[in-house]
Amino acid sequence: MERGTERDPKLLNHYKPVYVDEPAPWSAFRDKINPYGFCAFQVDPGRPGGKTTMNVTYYAVTGPGGATKPVDTFVLERPRNDGHH
């Protein structure tokens, strides 16, 4: 995909975005056995110049009274942007 060629006068030195529709069947998942759930997050801001990490656990609500079970877990991370002084 090419970037836009028309500059946006409201955005200094930036091009207008190009929007493209695409099918995304991977973007959602339906759990027919446990249709309700939530995510819990543990955030470690890290140290200056390092990385910030977020541990995410998805819990399914499995029964009456709010019983839960962990179903999936993953980690998101990104470099901190305060270490470049």
Protein backbone atom coordinates (compact mmCIF):
# COMPACT_ATOMS: atom_id res chain seq x y z
CA MET A 1 0.00 0.00 0.00
CA GLU A 2 1.27 3.45 -0.82
CA ARG A 3 1.10 6.42 1.46
CA GLY A 4 -1.16 9.31 0.60
CA THR A 5 0.20 11.93 -1.74
CA GLU A 6 -2.01 14.81 -0.60
CA ARG A 7 -0.73 16.89 2.31
CA ASP A 8 -3.10 17.81 5.12
CA PRO A 9 -2.88 21.57 5.83
CA LYS A 10 -3.90 20.98 9.46
CA LEU A 11 -0.97 18.62 10.04
CA LEU A 12 2.46 20.14 9.51
CA ASN A 13 4.55 18.07 7.08
CA HIS A 14 2.17 15.13 7.22
CA TYR A 15 0.21 13.44 4.49
CA LYS A 16 -3.49 12.74 4.69
CA PRO A 17 -4.10 9.16 5.79
CA VAL A 18 -5.23 6.50 3.37
CA TYR A 19 -7.97 4.25 4.76
CA VAL A 20 -8.43 0.75 3.42
CA ASP A 21 -11.17 -1.72 4.34
CA GLU A 22 -10.06 -5.30 4.71
CA PRO A 23 -11.74 -8.42 6.05
CA ALA A 24 -10.56 -9.32 9.54
CA PRO A 25 -12.10 -12.66 10.55
CA TRP A 26 -9.25 -13.10 13.06
CA SER A 27 -10.16 -9.98 15.04
CA ALA A 28 -12.85 -11.57 17.19
CA PHE A 29 -13.45 -14.85 18.94
CA ARG A 30 -16.71 -16.09 20.39
CA ASP A 31 -16.55 -18.61 23.20
CA LYS A 32 -19.86 -20.44 22.96
CA ILE A 33 -19.25 -22.39 26.19
CA ASN A 34 -18.26 -19.39 28.34
CA PRO A 35 -19.67 -16.31 26.61
CA TYR A 36 -18.68 -13.85 29.39
CA GLY A 37 -15.26 -12.91 30.60
CA PHE A 38 -12.82 -10.15 31.39
CA CYS A 39 -9.13 -9.29 31.19
CA ALA A 40 -6.88 -8.50 34.13
CA PHE A 41 -3.74 -6.41 33.58
CA GLN A 42 -0.48 -6.24 35.49
CA VAL A 43 1.65 -3.29 34.36
CA ASP A 44 5.37 -2.87 34.96
CA PRO A 45 6.38 0.64 33.86
CA GLY A 46 10.02 -0.45 33.70
CA ARG A 47 13.04 1.78 34.12
CA PRO A 48 14.01 4.83 32.06
CA GLY A 49 15.43 3.68 28.74
CA GLY A 50 13.97 0.19 29.22
CA LYS A 51 10.65 -1.37 28.33
CA THR A 52 7.14 -1.12 29.74
CA THR A 53 5.39 -4.48 29.93
CA MET A 54 1.77 -5.41 30.43
CA ASN A 55 0.82 -8.98 31.36
CA VAL A 56 -2.75 -9.71 30.27
CA THR A 57 -4.85 -12.64 31.47
CA TYR A 58 -8.30 -13.38 30.08
CA TYR A 59 -10.67 -15.03 32.53
CA ALA A 60 -13.89 -16.78 31.51
CA VAL A 61 -16.86 -16.51 33.85
CA THR A 62 -17.73 -20.18 34.15
CA GLY A 63 -20.75 -20.49 36.35
CA PRO A 64 -23.18 -19.09 38.86
CA GLY A 65 -21.81 -16.83 41.54
CA GLY A 66 -19.09 -15.44 39.27
CA ALA A 67 -16.76 -18.44 39.23
CA THR A 68 -13.83 -17.77 36.87
CA LYS A 69 -11.00 -19.63 35.20
CA PRO A 70 -7.97 -18.27 33.32
CA VAL A 71 -8.26 -19.02 29.62
CA ASP A 72 -5.43 -17.13 27.94
CA THR A 73 -2.46 -15.00 28.87
CA PHE A 74 -0.08 -12.86 26.82
CA VAL A 75 2.46 -10.06 27.29
CA LEU A 76 2.51 -6.67 25.57
CA GLU A 77 5.69 -4.63 25.68
CA ARG A 78 7.11 -1.48 24.19
CA PRO A 79 10.19 0.68 24.68
CA ARG A 80 9.79 3.58 27.06
CA ASN A 81 10.17 6.94 25.37
CA ASP A 82 11.74 8.78 28.30
CA GLY A 83 15.24 7.38 28.03
CA HIS A 84 16.38 9.61 25.15
CA HIS A 85 17.24 12.79 27.05
